[in-house]
Amino acid sequence: MPGGNWYNICFSDRNLPMKARTIIVTLFFLLLIIVSCQKDHTSKIEVTSDYLPLSVGNYWEFELSGKYLVKETQLINGKEYYEINNDYGSSSFYRKQDNKIYVRELSAHGKEEMKFDLAAETNDTWTYGAGYVTLVNRNAIVTIGGNQIDSCLEFRFHNDRLVDFGSEVWLAPGIGFIQQSCQECFGSASATIQIIVANINTKDIEFKYLLPAKRSI
């Protein structure tokens, strides 16, 4: 039984003063509390949903920014990536491993970086591109017209090279990309861009009662 030796030391030795026994027992339980807190602090968040379904043929179509299509898979340096094309003719290469999503932006030969950490805790931050990414909310609610999507992950991107910088991406469980925001884009000081329709694993998901894009001048 764990702790049995402590019990024997404290209570079997009749020559040990009662005050000393009390101090030893108190220190023992304090040690248990400290160990327990350390385990809780380092525990990993369990990800029970697929926050970015990657299958050839999946797509996400947004107002203003158009469609993002999983075109095909490619083997790069022995690892399988999913090529995602957009309506502007550029491609990025995504792969998932251990609840992390790695990306090679714009080119299969580009530098691989971790873009999303699906198991991160709120306010966890990591470097990405010319700046960094922060998970600002693990339970964000995104409302698109008459649809409410719960338990979304909200990531904030910062670009140190720009004076007015900052963009956000929301990932929804079982859907993936669902909302974006950006500054100095689409002719506005800022814009929130929402999904219109998605096709996930051959299933169409339509977001009806879509509201116009939210813009700030």
N, C-alpha and C. Protein backbone atom coordinates (compact mmCIF):
# COMPACT_ATOMS: atom_id res chain seq x y z
N MET A 1 0.85 -1.20 0.00
CA MET A 1 0.00 0.00 0.00
C MET A 1 0.88 1.24 0.00
N PRO A 2 0.69 2.19 -0.96
CA PRO A 2 1.50 3.39 -1.00
C PRO A 2 1.35 4.18 0.29
N GLY A 3 2.49 4.62 0.82
CA GLY A 3 2.45 5.39 2.06
C GLY A 3 2.52 4.55 3.29
N GLY A 4 2.58 3.23 3.13
CA GLY A 4 2.62 2.33 4.27
C GLY A 4 3.84 2.56 5.14
N ASN A 5 5.01 2.80 4.53
CA ASN A 5 6.23 3.03 5.29
C ASN A 5 6.12 4.27 6.15
N TRP A 6 5.45 5.30 5.62
CA TRP A 6 5.25 6.52 6.40
C TRP A 6 4.39 6.24 7.62
N TYR A 7 3.40 5.41 7.44
CA TYR A 7 2.52 5.07 8.56
C TYR A 7 3.30 4.36 9.63
N ASN A 8 4.15 3.41 9.22
CA ASN A 8 4.94 2.67 10.19
C ASN A 8 5.90 3.58 10.95
N ILE A 9 6.52 4.53 10.23
CA ILE A 9 7.47 5.44 10.88
C ILE A 9 6.75 6.31 11.91
N CYS A 10 5.57 6.78 11.54
CA CYS A 10 4.88 7.74 12.39
C CYS A 10 4.22 7.11 13.61
N PHE A 11 3.70 5.88 13.42
CA PHE A 11 2.86 5.35 14.48
C PHE A 11 3.38 4.05 15.10
N SER A 12 4.34 3.39 14.48
CA SER A 12 4.86 2.16 15.06
C SER A 12 5.97 2.43 16.06
N ASP A 13 6.70 3.53 15.85
CA ASP A 13 7.80 3.87 16.75
C ASP A 13 7.25 4.65 17.94
N ARG A 14 7.11 3.96 19.08
CA ARG A 14 6.53 4.57 20.26
C ARG A 14 7.43 5.65 20.85
N ASN A 15 8.72 5.64 20.49
CA ASN A 15 9.64 6.62 21.04
C ASN A 15 9.58 7.96 20.29
N LEU A 16 8.89 7.96 19.13
CA LEU A 16 8.81 9.18 18.34
C LEU A 16 7.77 10.12 18.94
N PRO A 17 8.12 11.35 19.29
CA PRO A 17 7.16 12.27 19.91
C PRO A 17 5.96 12.51 19.00
N MET A 18 4.82 12.76 19.61
CA MET A 18 3.59 12.99 18.86
C MET A 18 3.72 14.19 17.93
N LYS A 19 4.40 15.26 18.37
CA LYS A 19 4.57 16.45 17.53
C LYS A 19 5.33 16.11 16.26
N ALA A 20 6.39 15.26 16.40
CA ALA A 20 7.18 14.87 15.24
C ALA A 20 6.34 14.05 14.28
N ARG A 21 5.50 13.18 14.84
CA ARG A 21 4.62 12.37 13.98
C ARG A 21 3.69 13.26 13.18
N THR A 22 3.12 14.26 13.86
CA THR A 22 2.18 15.17 13.18
C THR A 22 2.86 15.93 12.06
N ILE A 23 4.10 16.39 12.30
CA ILE A 23 4.84 17.13 11.28
C ILE A 23 5.11 16.24 10.06
N ILE A 24 5.51 14.99 10.32
CA ILE A 24 5.82 14.08 9.22
C ILE A 24 4.58 13.80 8.37
N VAL A 25 3.45 13.55 9.04
CA VAL A 25 2.21 13.27 8.31
C VAL A 25 1.79 14.49 7.48
N THR A 26 1.91 15.69 8.08
CA THR A 26 1.54 16.91 7.36
C THR A 26 2.40 17.12 6.12
N LEU A 27 3.71 16.91 6.26
CA LEU A 27 4.62 17.06 5.12
C LEU A 27 4.30 16.04 4.03
N PHE A 28 3.94 14.83 4.45
CA PHE A 28 3.62 13.78 3.49
C PHE A 28 2.42 14.16 2.62
N PHE A 29 1.36 14.67 3.28
CA PHE A 29 0.16 15.04 2.52
C PHE A 29 0.39 16.28 1.67
N LEU A 30 1.23 17.22 2.13
CA LEU A 30 1.59 18.36 1.30
C LEU A 30 2.31 17.92 0.04
N LEU A 31 3.18 16.92 0.18
CA LEU A 31 3.89 16.38 -0.98
C LEU A 31 2.93 15.77 -1.98
N LEU A 32 1.91 15.05 -1.47
CA LEU A 32 0.91 14.46 -2.36
C LEU A 32 0.16 15.54 -3.14
N ILE A 33 -0.19 16.63 -2.47
CA ILE A 33 -0.92 17.72 -3.12
C ILE A 33 -0.08 18.36 -4.21
N ILE A 34 1.22 18.59 -3.92
CA ILE A 34 2.11 19.22 -4.90
C ILE A 34 2.26 18.34 -6.13
N VAL A 35 2.45 17.05 -5.93
CA VAL A 35 2.59 16.11 -7.05
C VAL A 35 1.32 16.09 -7.88
N SER A 36 0.16 16.09 -7.21
CA SER A 36 -1.12 16.08 -7.91
C SER A 36 -1.30 17.32 -8.76
N CYS A 37 -0.94 18.49 -8.22
CA CYS A 37 -1.07 19.75 -8.98
C CYS A 37 -0.17 19.76 -10.19
N GLN A 38 1.05 19.22 -10.03
CA GLN A 38 1.98 19.18 -11.15
C GLN A 38 1.45 18.29 -12.26
N LYS A 39 0.83 17.19 -11.90
CA LYS A 39 0.27 16.29 -12.92
C LYS A 39 -0.87 16.97 -13.66
N ASP A 40 -1.73 17.70 -12.91
CA ASP A 40 -2.84 18.39 -13.55
C ASP A 40 -2.34 19.45 -14.51
N HIS A 41 -1.27 20.15 -14.14
CA HIS A 41 -0.76 21.25 -14.95
C HIS A 41 -0.17 20.77 -16.27
N THR A 42 0.41 19.59 -16.28
CA THR A 42 1.06 19.08 -17.48
C THR A 42 0.16 18.15 -18.29
N SER A 43 -1.08 17.95 -17.84
CA SER A 43 -1.96 17.02 -18.54
C SER A 43 -2.33 17.59 -19.91
N LYS A 44 -2.54 16.71 -20.87
CA LYS A 44 -2.90 17.11 -22.22
C LYS A 44 -4.42 17.16 -22.35
N ILE A 45 -4.90 18.11 -23.13
CA ILE A 45 -6.32 18.20 -23.41
C ILE A 45 -6.69 17.11 -24.42
N GLU A 46 -7.74 16.38 -24.13
CA GLU A 46 -8.16 15.31 -25.02
C GLU A 46 -9.00 15.90 -26.15
N VAL A 47 -8.61 15.63 -27.36
CA VAL A 47 -9.34 16.11 -28.54
C VAL A 47 -10.22 14.96 -29.04
N THR A 48 -11.54 15.15 -28.91
CA THR A 48 -12.46 14.07 -29.27
C THR A 48 -13.12 14.27 -30.63
N SER A 49 -12.89 15.41 -31.27
CA SER A 49 -13.49 15.68 -32.57
C SER A 49 -12.40 16.02 -33.58
N ASP A 50 -12.75 15.83 -34.85
CA ASP A 50 -11.83 16.18 -35.93
C ASP A 50 -12.07 17.63 -36.31
N TYR A 51 -11.12 18.51 -35.95
CA TYR A 51 -11.28 19.93 -36.20
C TYR A 51 -10.81 20.36 -37.58
N LEU A 52 -10.25 19.45 -38.34
CA LEU A 52 -9.92 19.76 -39.73
C LEU A 52 -9.93 18.46 -40.54
N PRO A 53 -11.12 18.04 -40.98
CA PRO A 53 -11.22 16.80 -41.76
C PRO A 53 -10.48 16.93 -43.09
N LEU A 54 -9.47 16.12 -43.28
CA LEU A 54 -8.67 16.18 -44.50
C LEU A 54 -8.91 14.90 -45.31
N SER A 55 -9.70 15.03 -46.34
CA SER A 55 -9.93 13.95 -47.31
C SER A 55 -10.03 14.59 -48.68
N VAL A 56 -9.50 13.92 -49.69
CA VAL A 56 -9.57 14.45 -51.05
C VAL A 56 -11.03 14.67 -51.44
N GLY A 57 -11.32 15.85 -51.93
CA GLY A 57 -12.70 16.20 -52.30
C GLY A 57 -13.40 17.09 -51.29
N ASN A 58 -12.91 17.13 -50.07
CA ASN A 58 -13.49 18.04 -49.08
C ASN A 58 -13.26 19.49 -49.52
N TYR A 59 -14.21 20.35 -49.23
CA TYR A 59 -13.99 21.78 -49.52
C TYR A 59 -14.78 22.64 -48.56
N TRP A 60 -14.34 23.88 -48.45
CA TRP A 60 -14.99 24.91 -47.63
C TRP A 60 -15.12 26.15 -48.51
N GLU A 61 -16.34 26.63 -48.72
CA GLU A 61 -16.56 27.80 -49.57
C GLU A 61 -17.01 28.98 -48.71
N PHE A 62 -16.28 30.09 -48.83
CA PHE A 62 -16.55 31.27 -48.03
C PHE A 62 -17.05 32.41 -48.90
N GLU A 63 -17.82 33.31 -48.29
CA GLU A 63 -18.13 34.57 -48.95
C GLU A 63 -16.82 35.34 -49.10
N LEU A 64 -16.69 36.05 -50.15
CA LEU A 64 -15.54 36.90 -50.47
C LEU A 64 -14.27 36.11 -50.81
N SER A 65 -13.83 35.20 -49.94
CA SER A 65 -12.53 34.55 -50.18
C SER A 65 -12.63 33.29 -51.02
N GLY A 66 -13.86 32.82 -51.34
CA GLY A 66 -14.01 31.71 -52.25
C GLY A 66 -13.85 30.33 -51.64
N LYS A 67 -13.47 29.37 -52.47
CA LYS A 67 -13.44 27.95 -52.09
C LYS A 67 -12.02 27.48 -51.80
N TYR A 68 -11.92 26.62 -50.77
CA TYR A 68 -10.68 25.92 -50.43
C TYR A 68 -10.94 24.43 -50.61
N LEU A 69 -10.26 23.83 -51.58
CA LEU A 69 -10.53 22.45 -51.98
C LEU A 69 -9.34 21.56 -51.68
N VAL A 70 -9.62 20.41 -51.03
CA VAL A 70 -8.57 19.40 -50.84
C VAL A 70 -8.44 18.65 -52.16
N LYS A 71 -7.40 18.99 -52.92
CA LYS A 71 -7.26 18.49 -54.29
C LYS A 71 -6.72 17.07 -54.34
N GLU A 72 -5.62 16.82 -53.64
CA GLU A 72 -4.97 15.52 -53.71
C GLU A 72 -3.98 15.38 -52.57
N THR A 73 -3.39 14.20 -52.47
CA THR A 73 -2.34 13.98 -51.48
C THR A 73 -0.99 13.94 -52.18
N GLN A 74 0.03 14.33 -51.44
CA GLN A 74 1.40 14.28 -51.96
C GLN A 74 2.33 13.78 -50.87
N LEU A 75 3.30 12.98 -51.29
CA LEU A 75 4.31 12.48 -50.37
C LEU A 75 5.53 13.41 -50.44
N ILE A 76 5.83 14.07 -49.33
CA ILE A 76 6.94 15.02 -49.26
C ILE A 76 7.85 14.60 -48.11
N ASN A 77 9.08 14.27 -48.44
CA ASN A 77 10.04 13.83 -47.42
C ASN A 77 9.51 12.68 -46.58
N GLY A 78 8.81 11.78 -47.24
CA GLY A 78 8.30 10.59 -46.56
C GLY A 78 7.03 10.81 -45.75
N LYS A 79 6.43 12.00 -45.82
CA LYS A 79 5.21 12.29 -45.07
C LYS A 79 4.09 12.66 -46.03
N GLU A 80 2.89 12.21 -45.71
CA GLU A 80 1.74 12.46 -46.58
C GLU A 80 1.10 13.82 -46.25
N TYR A 81 0.95 14.65 -47.27
CA TYR A 81 0.33 15.96 -47.13
C TYR A 81 -0.93 16.01 -48.00
N TYR A 82 -1.86 16.87 -47.58
CA TYR A 82 -3.06 17.14 -48.37
C TYR A 82 -2.92 18.52 -48.99
N GLU A 83 -3.00 18.57 -50.31
CA GLU A 83 -2.88 19.84 -51.01
C GLU A 83 -4.23 20.55 -51.02
N ILE A 84 -4.27 21.76 -50.47
CA ILE A 84 -5.50 22.56 -50.45
C ILE A 84 -5.32 23.74 -51.40
N ASN A 85 -6.17 23.79 -52.42
CA ASN A 85 -6.13 24.87 -53.41
C ASN A 85 -7.20 25.92 -53.09
N ASN A 86 -6.93 27.16 -53.43
CA ASN A 86 -7.96 28.19 -53.32
C ASN A 86 -8.29 28.76 -54.69
N ASP A 87 -9.29 29.64 -54.73
CA ASP A 87 -9.75 30.19 -56.01
C ASP A 87 -8.77 31.18 -56.63
N TYR A 88 -7.72 31.52 -55.89
CA TYR A 88 -6.71 32.45 -56.42
C TYR A 88 -5.54 31.73 -57.07
N GLY A 89 -5.63 30.39 -57.13
CA GLY A 89 -4.61 29.61 -57.83
C GLY A 89 -3.42 29.20 -56.99
N SER A 90 -3.43 29.47 -55.69
CA SER A 90 -2.31 29.07 -54.84
C SER A 90 -2.68 27.83 -54.03
N SER A 91 -1.65 27.13 -53.56
CA SER A 91 -1.85 25.89 -52.82
C SER A 91 -1.03 25.89 -51.54
N SER A 92 -1.55 25.22 -50.53
CA SER A 92 -0.82 24.95 -49.31
C SER A 92 -0.94 23.46 -49.01
N PHE A 93 0.01 22.96 -48.23
CA PHE A 93 0.08 21.51 -48.00
C PHE A 93 -0.04 21.24 -46.50
N TYR A 94 -1.06 20.47 -46.13
CA TYR A 94 -1.40 20.24 -44.73
C TYR A 94 -1.20 18.77 -44.36
N ARG A 95 -0.77 18.55 -43.14
CA ARG A 95 -0.76 17.20 -42.58
C ARG A 95 -1.03 17.28 -41.09
N LYS A 96 -1.61 16.21 -40.54
CA LYS A 96 -1.93 16.14 -39.12
C LYS A 96 -1.09 15.08 -38.44
N GLN A 97 -0.66 15.40 -37.24
CA GLN A 97 0.10 14.44 -36.43
C GLN A 97 -0.02 14.83 -34.96
N ASP A 98 -0.46 13.88 -34.14
CA ASP A 98 -0.54 14.09 -32.69
C ASP A 98 -1.31 15.37 -32.33
N ASN A 99 -2.48 15.54 -32.94
CA ASN A 99 -3.35 16.69 -32.68
C ASN A 99 -2.72 18.03 -33.05
N LYS A 100 -1.76 18.00 -33.93
CA LYS A 100 -1.15 19.22 -34.45
C LYS A 100 -1.29 19.22 -35.97
N ILE A 101 -1.46 20.40 -36.53
CA ILE A 101 -1.60 20.53 -37.98
C ILE A 101 -0.41 21.33 -38.50
N TYR A 102 0.36 20.67 -39.38
CA TYR A 102 1.56 21.27 -39.95
C TYR A 102 1.27 21.70 -41.39
N VAL A 103 1.88 22.79 -41.79
CA VAL A 103 1.59 23.36 -43.11
C VAL A 103 2.87 23.76 -43.82
N ARG A 104 2.88 23.54 -45.13
CA ARG A 104 3.87 24.13 -46.03
C ARG A 104 3.09 25.11 -46.90
N GLU A 105 3.27 26.40 -46.63
CA GLU A 105 2.48 27.41 -47.32
C GLU A 105 3.01 27.64 -48.75
N LEU A 106 2.07 27.73 -49.70
CA LEU A 106 2.30 28.15 -51.08
C LEU A 106 3.11 27.18 -51.92
N SER A 107 3.95 26.36 -51.32
CA SER A 107 4.79 25.46 -52.11
C SER A 107 5.07 24.18 -51.34
N ALA A 108 5.14 23.07 -52.09
CA ALA A 108 5.48 21.79 -51.46
C ALA A 108 6.90 21.81 -50.92
N HIS A 109 7.70 22.74 -51.41
CA HIS A 109 9.10 22.84 -50.97
C HIS A 109 9.29 23.92 -49.92
N GLY A 110 8.19 24.52 -49.47
CA GLY A 110 8.28 25.55 -48.45
C GLY A 110 8.60 24.95 -47.09
N LYS A 111 8.90 25.82 -46.16
CA LYS A 111 9.22 25.38 -44.80
C LYS A 111 7.98 24.86 -44.09
N GLU A 112 8.11 23.71 -43.45
CA GLU A 112 6.99 23.17 -42.68
C GLU A 112 6.94 23.86 -41.31
N GLU A 113 5.73 24.31 -40.93
CA GLU A 113 5.54 24.93 -39.63
C GLU A 113 4.23 24.43 -39.03
N MET A 114 4.17 24.42 -37.69
CA MET A 114 2.93 24.06 -37.02
C MET A 114 1.99 25.26 -37.05
N LYS A 115 0.84 25.09 -37.68
CA LYS A 115 -0.13 26.18 -37.79
C LYS A 115 -1.18 26.12 -36.69
N PHE A 116 -1.68 24.92 -36.41
CA PHE A 116 -2.71 24.75 -35.38
C PHE A 116 -2.29 23.66 -34.40
N ASP A 117 -2.42 23.94 -33.11
CA ASP A 117 -2.26 22.93 -32.08
C ASP A 117 -3.64 22.69 -31.48
N LEU A 118 -4.25 21.58 -31.86
CA LEU A 118 -5.63 21.31 -31.46
C LEU A 118 -5.76 20.97 -29.98
N ALA A 119 -4.67 20.58 -29.35
CA ALA A 119 -4.69 20.22 -27.94
C ALA A 119 -4.12 21.32 -27.05
N ALA A 120 -3.87 22.48 -27.62
CA ALA A 120 -3.31 23.59 -26.84
C ALA A 120 -4.32 24.07 -25.81
N GLU A 121 -3.81 24.69 -24.76
CA GLU A 121 -4.66 25.33 -23.76
C GLU A 121 -4.87 26.80 -24.15
N THR A 122 -5.92 27.40 -23.61
CA THR A 122 -6.21 28.79 -23.91
C THR A 122 -5.01 29.68 -23.59
N ASN A 123 -4.69 30.55 -24.53
CA ASN A 123 -3.56 31.49 -24.45
C ASN A 123 -2.20 30.87 -24.73
N ASP A 124 -2.15 29.59 -25.07
CA ASP A 124 -0.88 29.01 -25.54
C ASP A 124 -0.49 29.68 -26.86
N THR A 125 0.80 29.93 -27.02
CA THR A 125 1.31 30.67 -28.19
C THR A 125 2.51 29.95 -28.77
N TRP A 126 2.64 29.99 -30.11
CA TRP A 126 3.80 29.38 -30.77
C TRP A 126 4.13 30.21 -32.01
N THR A 127 5.37 30.10 -32.45
CA THR A 127 5.82 30.89 -33.60
C THR A 127 5.25 30.32 -34.89
N TYR A 128 4.99 31.22 -35.82
CA TYR A 128 4.48 30.80 -37.13
C TYR A 128 4.75 31.92 -38.12
N GLY A 129 5.44 31.59 -39.22
CA GLY A 129 5.73 32.57 -40.24
C GLY A 129 6.52 33.74 -39.69
N ALA A 130 6.05 34.95 -39.99
CA ALA A 130 6.72 36.16 -39.54
C ALA A 130 6.19 36.64 -38.20
N GLY A 131 5.47 35.81 -37.49
CA GLY A 131 4.90 36.20 -36.21
C GLY A 131 4.61 35.02 -35.32
N TYR A 132 3.39 34.97 -34.81
CA TYR A 132 3.05 33.89 -33.89
C TYR A 132 1.54 33.65 -33.90
N VAL A 133 1.14 32.53 -33.32
CA VAL A 133 -0.27 32.14 -33.23
C VAL A 133 -0.62 31.93 -31.77
N THR A 134 -1.83 32.35 -31.39
CA THR A 134 -2.33 32.13 -30.03
C THR A 134 -3.70 31.48 -30.11
N LEU A 135 -3.91 30.44 -29.32
CA LEU A 135 -5.25 29.87 -29.18
C LEU A 135 -5.97 30.71 -28.13
N VAL A 136 -6.91 31.53 -28.56
CA VAL A 136 -7.56 32.47 -27.65
C VAL A 136 -8.84 31.93 -27.04
N ASN A 137 -9.42 30.89 -27.63
CA ASN A 137 -10.68 30.35 -27.09
C ASN A 137 -10.85 28.91 -27.53
N ARG A 138 -11.07 28.03 -26.58
CA ARG A 138 -11.31 26.62 -26.89
C ARG A 138 -12.79 26.31 -27.04
N ASN A 139 -13.65 27.21 -26.63
CA ASN A 139 -15.10 26.97 -26.67
C ASN A 139 -15.83 28.14 -27.30
N ALA A 140 -15.34 28.60 -28.42
CA ALA A 140 -15.97 29.73 -29.10
C ALA A 140 -17.28 29.31 -29.75
N ILE A 141 -18.22 30.23 -29.77
CA ILE A 141 -19.50 30.01 -30.45
C ILE A 141 -19.54 30.90 -31.70
N VAL A 142 -19.77 30.27 -32.83
CA VAL A 142 -19.85 31.01 -34.10
C VAL A 142 -21.30 30.95 -34.57
N THR A 143 -21.88 32.11 -34.84
CA THR A 143 -23.25 32.19 -35.33
C THR A 143 -23.24 32.65 -36.78
N ILE A 144 -23.79 31.84 -37.65
CA ILE A 144 -23.87 32.17 -39.08
C ILE A 144 -25.35 32.18 -39.44
N GLY A 145 -25.91 33.40 -39.51
CA GLY A 145 -27.33 33.50 -39.76
C GLY A 145 -28.11 32.81 -38.66
N GLY A 146 -28.87 31.79 -39.01
CA GLY A 146 -29.67 31.07 -38.02
C GLY A 146 -28.99 29.85 -37.45
N ASN A 147 -27.72 29.69 -37.75
CA ASN A 147 -26.99 28.51 -37.27
C ASN A 147 -26.01 28.89 -36.17
N GLN A 148 -26.01 28.12 -35.09
CA GLN A 148 -25.04 28.31 -34.01
C GLN A 148 -24.14 27.08 -33.95
N ILE A 149 -22.85 27.31 -34.05
CA ILE A 149 -21.87 26.22 -34.01
C ILE A 149 -21.06 26.37 -32.73
N ASP A 150 -21.16 25.37 -31.86
CA ASP A 150 -20.50 25.41 -30.56
C ASP A 150 -19.13 24.74 -30.60
N SER A 151 -18.38 24.94 -29.52
CA SER A 151 -17.11 24.24 -29.26
C SER A 151 -16.08 24.49 -30.37
N CYS A 152 -16.07 25.68 -30.92
CA CYS A 152 -15.08 26.01 -31.95
C CYS A 152 -13.76 26.42 -31.31
N LEU A 153 -12.68 26.22 -32.04
CA LEU A 153 -11.36 26.68 -31.62
C LEU A 153 -11.06 27.98 -32.36
N GLU A 154 -10.67 29.01 -31.61
CA GLU A 154 -10.38 30.32 -32.20
C GLU A 154 -8.88 30.61 -32.09
N PHE A 155 -8.24 30.74 -33.24
CA PHE A 155 -6.80 31.00 -33.30
C PHE A 155 -6.56 32.42 -33.81
N ARG A 156 -5.66 33.13 -33.15
CA ARG A 156 -5.32 34.48 -33.56
C ARG A 156 -3.90 34.52 -34.11
N PHE A 157 -3.74 35.09 -35.30
CA PHE A 157 -2.45 35.17 -35.97
C PHE A 157 -1.93 36.60 -35.92
N HIS A 158 -0.65 36.74 -35.61
CA HIS A 158 -0.01 38.05 -35.56
C HIS A 158 1.17 38.05 -36.53
N ASN A 159 1.30 39.13 -37.28
CA ASN A 159 2.41 39.29 -38.22
C ASN A 159 3.25 40.47 -37.77
N ASP A 160 4.45 40.19 -37.30
CA ASP A 160 5.31 41.24 -36.75
C ASP A 160 5.80 42.23 -37.81
N ARG A 161 5.65 41.89 -39.09
CA ARG A 161 6.14 42.77 -40.15
C ARG A 161 5.17 43.88 -40.49
N LEU A 162 3.94 43.80 -40.01
CA LEU A 162 2.92 44.78 -40.34
C LEU A 162 2.61 45.66 -39.13
N VAL A 163 2.30 46.93 -39.40
CA VAL A 163 1.95 47.86 -38.33
C VAL A 163 0.57 47.52 -37.77
N ASP A 164 -0.43 47.45 -38.65
CA ASP A 164 -1.76 47.01 -38.24
C ASP A 164 -1.92 45.56 -38.67
N PHE A 165 -1.73 44.65 -37.74
CA PHE A 165 -1.74 43.25 -38.11
C PHE A 165 -2.75 42.48 -37.26
N GLY A 166 -3.01 41.30 -37.67
CA GLY A 166 -3.88 40.43 -36.89
C GLY A 166 -4.97 39.82 -37.75
N SER A 167 -5.11 38.52 -37.64
CA SER A 167 -6.20 37.81 -38.29
C SER A 167 -6.58 36.64 -37.41
N GLU A 168 -7.75 36.10 -37.65
CA GLU A 168 -8.22 34.98 -36.84
C GLU A 168 -8.82 33.90 -37.73
N VAL A 169 -8.72 32.66 -37.24
CA VAL A 169 -9.32 31.52 -37.92
C VAL A 169 -10.07 30.70 -36.87
N TRP A 170 -11.31 30.33 -37.19
CA TRP A 170 -12.10 29.47 -36.31
C TRP A 170 -12.23 28.09 -36.97
N LEU A 171 -12.00 27.04 -36.19
CA LEU A 171 -12.20 25.66 -36.65
C LEU A 171 -13.35 25.05 -35.86
N ALA A 172 -14.27 24.42 -36.57
CA ALA A 172 -15.44 23.81 -35.93
C ALA A 172 -15.30 22.29 -35.92
N PRO A 173 -15.75 21.63 -34.84
CA PRO A 173 -15.64 20.17 -34.77
C PRO A 173 -16.46 19.49 -35.87
N GLY A 174 -15.81 18.58 -36.58
CA GLY A 174 -16.47 17.84 -37.65
C GLY A 174 -16.62 18.61 -38.94
N ILE A 175 -16.21 19.89 -38.96
CA ILE A 175 -16.34 20.72 -40.16
C ILE A 175 -14.99 21.26 -40.61
N GLY A 176 -14.25 21.85 -39.69
CA GLY A 176 -12.97 22.47 -40.05
C GLY A 176 -13.10 23.97 -40.14
N PHE A 177 -12.53 24.56 -41.21
CA PHE A 177 -12.60 26.01 -41.41
C PHE A 177 -14.06 26.47 -41.43
N ILE A 178 -14.37 27.49 -40.61
CA ILE A 178 -15.77 27.94 -40.58
C ILE A 178 -15.90 29.46 -40.58
N GLN A 179 -14.89 30.16 -40.09
CA GLN A 179 -14.94 31.61 -40.06
C GLN A 179 -13.51 32.16 -40.05
N GLN A 180 -13.35 33.31 -40.69
CA GLN A 180 -12.05 33.99 -40.72
C GLN A 180 -12.27 35.47 -40.47
N SER A 181 -11.26 36.12 -39.96
CA SER A 181 -11.29 37.58 -39.89
C SER A 181 -9.93 38.11 -40.31
N CYS A 182 -9.90 39.30 -40.85
CA CYS A 182 -8.64 39.87 -41.29
C CYS A 182 -8.71 41.37 -41.23
N GLN A 183 -7.54 42.01 -41.24
CA GLN A 183 -7.45 43.46 -41.26
C GLN A 183 -6.88 43.93 -42.60
N GLU A 184 -7.35 45.08 -43.04
CA GLU A 184 -6.90 45.64 -44.31
C GLU A 184 -7.07 44.63 -45.45
N CYS A 185 -8.29 44.11 -45.57
CA CYS A 185 -8.54 43.09 -46.61
C CYS A 185 -9.89 43.34 -47.26
N PHE A 186 -10.00 42.93 -48.51
CA PHE A 186 -11.24 43.03 -49.28
C PHE A 186 -11.80 44.46 -49.26
N GLY A 187 -10.89 45.43 -49.31
CA GLY A 187 -11.29 46.81 -49.39
C GLY A 187 -11.81 47.41 -48.11
N SER A 188 -11.58 46.74 -46.97
CA SER A 188 -12.07 47.23 -45.69
C SER A 188 -10.94 47.26 -44.67
N ALA A 189 -11.16 48.04 -43.62
CA ALA A 189 -10.18 48.05 -42.53
C ALA A 189 -10.15 46.70 -41.84
N SER A 190 -11.31 46.05 -41.75
CA SER A 190 -11.38 44.70 -41.19
C SER A 190 -12.62 44.01 -41.73
N ALA A 191 -12.60 42.70 -41.76
CA ALA A 191 -13.73 41.93 -42.27
C ALA A 191 -13.81 40.59 -41.56
N THR A 192 -15.03 40.14 -41.30
CA THR A 192 -15.29 38.79 -40.79
C THR A 192 -15.96 38.00 -41.89
N ILE A 193 -15.33 36.91 -42.29
CA ILE A 193 -15.76 36.14 -43.46
C ILE A 193 -16.26 34.78 -42.99
N GLN A 194 -17.48 34.46 -43.36
CA GLN A 194 -18.10 33.22 -42.87
C GLN A 194 -18.32 32.23 -44.00
N ILE A 195 -18.47 30.98 -43.60
CA ILE A 195 -18.62 29.90 -44.57
C ILE A 195 -20.03 29.90 -45.16
N ILE A 196 -20.13 29.49 -46.42
CA ILE A 196 -21.42 29.38 -47.10
C ILE A 196 -21.84 27.92 -47.17
N VAL A 197 -20.93 27.08 -47.65
CA VAL A 197 -21.21 25.66 -47.78
C VAL A 197 -19.91 24.89 -47.65
N ALA A 198 -20.01 23.67 -47.14
CA ALA A 198 -18.85 22.80 -47.03
C ALA A 198 -19.24 21.41 -47.51
N ASN A 199 -18.26 20.68 -48.00
CA ASN A 199 -18.45 19.27 -48.32
C ASN A 199 -17.42 18.49 -47.53
N ILE A 200 -17.88 17.73 -46.55
CA ILE A 200 -16.99 16.99 -45.66
C ILE A 200 -17.28 15.50 -45.82
N ASN A 201 -16.28 14.79 -46.34
CA ASN A 201 -16.40 13.34 -46.53
C ASN A 201 -17.65 12.99 -47.34
N THR A 202 -17.83 13.68 -48.45
CA THR A 202 -18.92 13.51 -49.44
C THR A 202 -20.27 14.03 -48.93
N LYS A 203 -20.33 14.66 -47.78
CA LYS A 203 -21.59 15.18 -47.26
C LYS A 203 -21.60 16.70 -47.35
N ASP A 204 -22.64 17.23 -48.03
CA ASP A 204 -22.79 18.68 -48.15
C ASP A 204 -23.37 19.26 -46.86
N ILE A 205 -22.80 20.36 -46.41
CA ILE A 205 -23.30 21.08 -45.24
C ILE A 205 -23.56 22.51 -45.67
N GLU A 206 -24.83 22.91 -45.71
CA GLU A 206 -25.19 24.26 -46.13
C GLU A 206 -25.51 25.10 -44.90
N PHE A 207 -25.06 26.35 -44.94
CA PHE A 207 -25.31 27.27 -43.85
C PHE A 207 -26.31 28.31 -44.34
N LYS A 208 -27.58 28.09 -44.04
CA LYS A 208 -28.66 28.92 -44.57
C LYS A 208 -28.79 30.21 -43.76
N TYR A 209 -29.60 31.11 -44.29
CA TYR A 209 -29.84 32.42 -43.68
C TYR A 209 -28.53 33.16 -43.47
N LEU A 210 -27.63 33.04 -44.43
CA LEU A 210 -26.31 33.65 -44.31
C LEU A 210 -26.42 35.17 -44.30
N LEU A 211 -25.75 35.78 -43.34
CA LEU A 211 -25.73 37.23 -43.26
C LEU A 211 -24.60 37.78 -44.12
N PRO A 212 -24.72 39.04 -44.59
CA PRO A 212 -23.61 39.64 -45.36
C PRO A 212 -22.35 39.71 -44.53
N ALA A 213 -21.21 39.75 -45.20
CA ALA A 213 -19.93 39.85 -44.49
C ALA A 213 -19.91 41.11 -43.64
N LYS A 214 -19.38 40.95 -42.41
CA LYS A 214 -19.27 42.08 -41.51
C LYS A 214 -17.98 42.86 -41.82
N ARG A 215 -18.14 44.14 -42.13
CA ARG A 215 -16.98 44.94 -42.49
C ARG A 215 -16.91 46.20 -41.64
N SER A 216 -15.70 46.66 -41.48
CA SER A 216 -15.48 47.94 -40.81
C SER A 216 -14.68 48.83 -41.73
N ILE A 217 -15.11 50.05 -41.87
CA ILE A 217 -14.43 50.99 -42.78
C ILE A 217 -13.40 51.81 -41.98
